[in-house]
């Protein structure tokens, strides 16, 4: 893990709305990992593991048409895959 950026896609108190949004991300962007978190009374759907703001901005542009209420940057602990060394 490391410090990085995720996109906050949905922040709602409706469970069905959050699950629908997670499904939409999974079907439209299968390479983008999403995280559904419950912090009473809200369901928060976060997406991505971005090291830089520039990476996150690219996906923010792609996600914005699907989520017209807004897609926001949040600082979070992200999952990092180790880089394979070239031999």
N, C-alpha and C. Protein backbone atom coordinates (compact mmCIF):
# COMPACT_ATOMS: atom_id res chain seq x y z
N UNK A 1 0.83 -1.19 0.00
CA UNK A 1 0.00 0.00 0.00
C UNK A 1 0.88 1.25 0.00
N UNK A 2 0.27 2.34 -0.43
CA UNK A 2 0.99 3.62 -0.47
C UNK A 2 -0.04 4.74 -0.47
N UNK A 3 0.42 5.95 -0.28
CA UNK A 3 -0.50 7.09 -0.35
C UNK A 3 -0.73 7.42 -1.82
N UNK A 4 -1.98 7.70 -2.14
CA UNK A 4 -2.31 8.01 -3.52
C UNK A 4 -3.68 8.66 -3.61
N UNK A 5 -4.28 8.54 -4.77
CA UNK A 5 -5.56 9.20 -5.06
C UNK A 5 -6.56 8.18 -5.54
N UNK A 6 -7.79 8.34 -5.08
CA UNK A 6 -8.92 7.59 -5.60
C UNK A 6 -9.98 8.58 -6.02
N UNK A 7 -10.91 8.13 -6.84
CA UNK A 7 -12.02 8.98 -7.26
C UNK A 7 -13.25 8.61 -6.45
N UNK A 8 -13.87 9.60 -5.82
CA UNK A 8 -15.12 9.38 -5.11
C UNK A 8 -16.23 9.54 -6.14
N UNK A 9 -16.90 8.43 -6.43
CA UNK A 9 -17.89 8.40 -7.50
C UNK A 9 -19.30 8.64 -6.94
N UNK A 10 -19.62 7.98 -5.83
CA UNK A 10 -20.96 8.09 -5.25
C UNK A 10 -20.83 8.21 -3.73
N UNK A 11 -21.63 9.11 -3.17
CA UNK A 11 -21.75 9.25 -1.73
C UNK A 11 -23.24 9.38 -1.44
N UNK A 12 -23.87 8.27 -1.03
CA UNK A 12 -25.32 8.24 -0.90
C UNK A 12 -25.73 7.44 0.32
N UNK A 13 -26.96 7.65 0.77
CA UNK A 13 -27.48 6.82 1.86
C UNK A 13 -28.39 5.73 1.31
N UNK A 14 -28.43 5.57 -0.01
CA UNK A 14 -29.24 4.54 -0.66
C UNK A 14 -28.33 3.41 -1.15
N UNK A 15 -28.47 2.26 -0.52
CA UNK A 15 -27.62 1.10 -0.84
C UNK A 15 -27.76 0.68 -2.31
N UNK A 16 -28.99 0.64 -2.81
CA UNK A 16 -29.22 0.22 -4.20
C UNK A 16 -28.52 1.13 -5.19
N UNK A 17 -28.53 2.42 -4.92
CA UNK A 17 -27.86 3.40 -5.80
C UNK A 17 -26.36 3.14 -5.84
N UNK A 18 -25.79 2.84 -4.70
CA UNK A 18 -24.34 2.57 -4.62
C UNK A 18 -23.99 1.29 -5.36
N UNK A 19 -24.79 0.25 -5.20
CA UNK A 19 -24.52 -1.02 -5.88
C UNK A 19 -24.68 -0.89 -7.39
N UNK A 20 -25.68 -0.13 -7.82
CA UNK A 20 -25.87 0.12 -9.25
C UNK A 20 -24.66 0.84 -9.84
N UNK A 21 -24.14 1.82 -9.11
CA UNK A 21 -22.97 2.57 -9.58
C UNK A 21 -21.74 1.66 -9.66
N UNK A 22 -21.57 0.78 -8.67
CA UNK A 22 -20.44 -0.16 -8.69
C UNK A 22 -20.53 -1.08 -9.90
N UNK A 23 -21.73 -1.56 -10.21
CA UNK A 23 -21.95 -2.41 -11.37
C UNK A 23 -21.63 -1.67 -12.66
N UNK A 24 -22.03 -0.40 -12.72
CA UNK A 24 -21.78 0.42 -13.92
C UNK A 24 -20.28 0.57 -14.15
N UNK A 25 -19.52 0.81 -13.09
CA UNK A 25 -18.06 0.93 -13.23
C UNK A 25 -17.46 -0.40 -13.67
N UNK A 26 -17.90 -1.49 -13.04
CA UNK A 26 -17.37 -2.81 -13.36
C UNK A 26 -17.61 -3.19 -14.81
N UNK A 27 -18.78 -2.88 -15.35
CA UNK A 27 -19.09 -3.25 -16.73
C UNK A 27 -18.45 -2.30 -17.75
N UNK A 28 -18.37 -1.01 -17.43
CA UNK A 28 -17.82 -0.03 -18.38
C UNK A 28 -16.31 0.10 -18.30
N UNK A 29 -15.75 -0.11 -17.10
CA UNK A 29 -14.31 0.04 -16.88
C UNK A 29 -13.79 -1.15 -16.08
N UNK A 30 -13.70 -2.33 -16.69
CA UNK A 30 -13.30 -3.53 -15.93
C UNK A 30 -11.88 -3.45 -15.36
N UNK A 31 -11.03 -2.61 -15.93
CA UNK A 31 -9.65 -2.49 -15.45
C UNK A 31 -9.56 -1.62 -14.19
N UNK A 32 -10.64 -0.91 -13.88
CA UNK A 32 -10.65 0.02 -12.74
C UNK A 32 -11.26 -0.67 -11.53
N UNK A 33 -10.48 -0.80 -10.48
CA UNK A 33 -10.96 -1.46 -9.26
C UNK A 33 -11.81 -0.47 -8.47
N UNK A 34 -12.95 -0.96 -7.96
CA UNK A 34 -13.83 -0.08 -7.19
C UNK A 34 -14.01 -0.63 -5.78
N UNK A 35 -14.28 0.28 -4.85
CA UNK A 35 -14.38 -0.06 -3.43
C UNK A 35 -15.65 0.56 -2.88
N UNK A 36 -16.56 -0.29 -2.39
CA UNK A 36 -17.80 0.19 -1.79
C UNK A 36 -17.63 0.12 -0.28
N UNK A 37 -17.72 1.27 0.36
CA UNK A 37 -17.48 1.38 1.80
C UNK A 37 -18.72 1.96 2.46
N UNK A 38 -19.08 1.39 3.60
CA UNK A 38 -20.22 1.92 4.36
C UNK A 38 -19.71 2.64 5.59
N UNK A 39 -19.97 3.94 5.64
CA UNK A 39 -19.68 4.76 6.81
C UNK A 39 -21.01 5.38 7.20
N UNK A 40 -21.61 4.83 8.24
CA UNK A 40 -22.97 5.17 8.64
C UNK A 40 -23.20 6.68 8.63
N UNK A 41 -24.21 7.17 7.96
CA UNK A 41 -25.25 6.46 7.23
C UNK A 41 -25.01 6.42 5.72
N UNK A 42 -23.79 6.62 5.26
CA UNK A 42 -23.53 6.75 3.83
C UNK A 42 -22.76 5.56 3.24
N UNK A 43 -23.09 5.28 1.98
CA UNK A 43 -22.33 4.33 1.17
C UNK A 43 -21.44 5.16 0.27
N UNK A 44 -20.15 4.90 0.31
CA UNK A 44 -19.20 5.63 -0.53
C UNK A 44 -18.58 4.68 -1.53
N UNK A 45 -18.64 5.05 -2.79
CA UNK A 45 -18.02 4.25 -3.83
C UNK A 45 -16.79 4.98 -4.33
N UNK A 46 -15.64 4.35 -4.11
CA UNK A 46 -14.37 4.92 -4.56
C UNK A 46 -13.85 4.04 -5.69
N UNK A 47 -13.11 4.65 -6.61
CA UNK A 47 -12.59 3.90 -7.74
C UNK A 47 -11.13 4.25 -8.00
N UNK A 48 -10.36 3.23 -8.35
CA UNK A 48 -9.00 3.42 -8.82
C UNK A 48 -7.94 3.39 -7.74
N UNK A 49 -6.73 3.19 -8.20
CA UNK A 49 -5.51 3.26 -7.38
C UNK A 49 -4.52 4.10 -8.17
N UNK A 50 -4.59 5.41 -8.00
CA UNK A 50 -3.77 6.32 -8.82
C UNK A 50 -2.63 6.89 -8.00
N UNK A 51 -1.43 6.87 -8.59
CA UNK A 51 -0.26 7.43 -7.92
C UNK A 51 -0.18 8.94 -8.12
N UNK A 52 -0.67 9.41 -9.27
CA UNK A 52 -0.58 10.84 -9.58
C UNK A 52 -1.96 11.42 -9.89
N UNK A 53 -2.06 12.72 -9.72
CA UNK A 53 -3.31 13.41 -10.01
C UNK A 53 -3.64 13.34 -11.52
N UNK A 54 -2.60 13.33 -12.34
CA UNK A 54 -2.81 13.28 -13.80
C UNK A 54 -3.50 11.99 -14.22
N UNK A 55 -3.06 10.86 -13.63
CA UNK A 55 -3.71 9.58 -13.92
C UNK A 55 -5.19 9.63 -13.53
N UNK A 56 -5.46 10.18 -12.37
CA UNK A 56 -6.83 10.26 -11.87
C UNK A 56 -7.68 11.18 -12.74
N UNK A 57 -7.10 12.26 -13.24
CA UNK A 57 -7.85 13.21 -14.08
C UNK A 57 -8.33 12.55 -15.37
N UNK A 58 -7.53 11.66 -15.94
CA UNK A 58 -7.94 10.97 -17.16
C UNK A 58 -9.21 10.17 -16.91
N UNK A 59 -9.24 9.41 -15.83
CA UNK A 59 -10.42 8.61 -15.52
C UNK A 59 -11.58 9.47 -15.06
N UNK A 60 -11.29 10.61 -14.44
CA UNK A 60 -12.36 11.52 -14.03
C UNK A 60 -13.15 11.97 -15.27
N UNK A 61 -12.43 12.24 -16.36
CA UNK A 61 -13.09 12.64 -17.61
C UNK A 61 -13.96 11.51 -18.16
N UNK A 62 -13.47 10.28 -18.07
CA UNK A 62 -14.24 9.13 -18.57
C UNK A 62 -15.47 8.86 -17.72
N UNK A 63 -15.35 9.02 -16.40
CA UNK A 63 -16.44 8.68 -15.47
C UNK A 63 -17.51 9.77 -15.37
N UNK A 64 -17.14 11.01 -15.61
CA UNK A 64 -18.08 12.13 -15.42
C UNK A 64 -19.40 11.99 -16.19
N UNK A 65 -19.40 11.53 -17.46
CA UNK A 65 -20.68 11.37 -18.15
C UNK A 65 -21.60 10.33 -17.50
N UNK A 66 -21.01 9.32 -16.86
CA UNK A 66 -21.80 8.27 -16.21
C UNK A 66 -22.36 8.73 -14.88
N UNK A 67 -21.67 9.67 -14.23
CA UNK A 67 -22.06 10.13 -12.89
C UNK A 67 -22.15 11.66 -12.88
N UNK A 68 -23.28 12.20 -13.33
CA UNK A 68 -23.41 13.66 -13.49
C UNK A 68 -23.38 14.46 -12.19
N UNK A 69 -23.55 13.79 -11.03
CA UNK A 69 -23.48 14.53 -9.76
C UNK A 69 -22.06 14.94 -9.43
N UNK A 70 -21.08 14.33 -10.09
CA UNK A 70 -19.69 14.70 -9.88
C UNK A 70 -18.82 13.53 -9.49
N UNK A 71 -17.57 13.60 -9.92
CA UNK A 71 -16.55 12.63 -9.57
C UNK A 71 -15.40 13.43 -8.96
N UNK A 72 -15.05 13.13 -7.70
CA UNK A 72 -14.12 13.96 -6.96
C UNK A 72 -12.85 13.22 -6.57
N UNK A 73 -11.74 13.97 -6.48
CA UNK A 73 -10.47 13.41 -6.03
C UNK A 73 -10.48 13.30 -4.51
N UNK A 74 -9.97 12.19 -4.00
CA UNK A 74 -9.76 12.06 -2.55
C UNK A 74 -8.42 11.39 -2.31
N UNK A 75 -7.73 11.86 -1.30
CA UNK A 75 -6.47 11.24 -0.91
C UNK A 75 -6.83 9.99 -0.12
N UNK A 76 -6.15 8.89 -0.40
CA UNK A 76 -6.47 7.62 0.24
C UNK A 76 -5.24 6.73 0.23
N UNK A 77 -5.31 5.64 0.96
CA UNK A 77 -4.28 4.62 0.89
C UNK A 77 -4.66 3.69 -0.25
N UNK A 78 -3.77 3.56 -1.21
CA UNK A 78 -4.08 2.78 -2.41
C UNK A 78 -3.30 1.48 -2.41
N UNK A 79 -3.76 0.54 -3.24
CA UNK A 79 -3.05 -0.72 -3.44
C UNK A 79 -2.07 -0.52 -4.58
N UNK A 80 -0.84 -0.96 -4.37
CA UNK A 80 0.20 -0.79 -5.38
C UNK A 80 0.71 -2.17 -5.77
N UNK A 81 0.79 -2.42 -7.07
CA UNK A 81 1.38 -3.68 -7.52
C UNK A 81 2.86 -3.45 -7.75
N UNK A 82 3.70 -4.35 -7.27
CA UNK A 82 5.14 -4.15 -7.43
C UNK A 82 5.54 -4.19 -8.92
N UNK A 83 6.45 -3.31 -9.26
CA UNK A 83 6.95 -3.27 -10.64
C UNK A 83 7.86 -4.48 -10.86
N UNK A 84 7.68 -5.11 -12.01
CA UNK A 84 8.56 -6.24 -12.33
C UNK A 84 9.87 -5.70 -12.87
N UNK A 85 10.97 -6.26 -12.36
CA UNK A 85 12.28 -5.81 -12.80
C UNK A 85 12.60 -6.42 -14.15
N UNK A 86 13.14 -5.58 -15.04
CA UNK A 86 13.54 -6.08 -16.35
C UNK A 86 14.95 -6.62 -16.23
N UNK A 87 15.15 -7.81 -16.81
CA UNK A 87 16.48 -8.42 -16.71
C UNK A 87 17.18 -8.38 -18.04
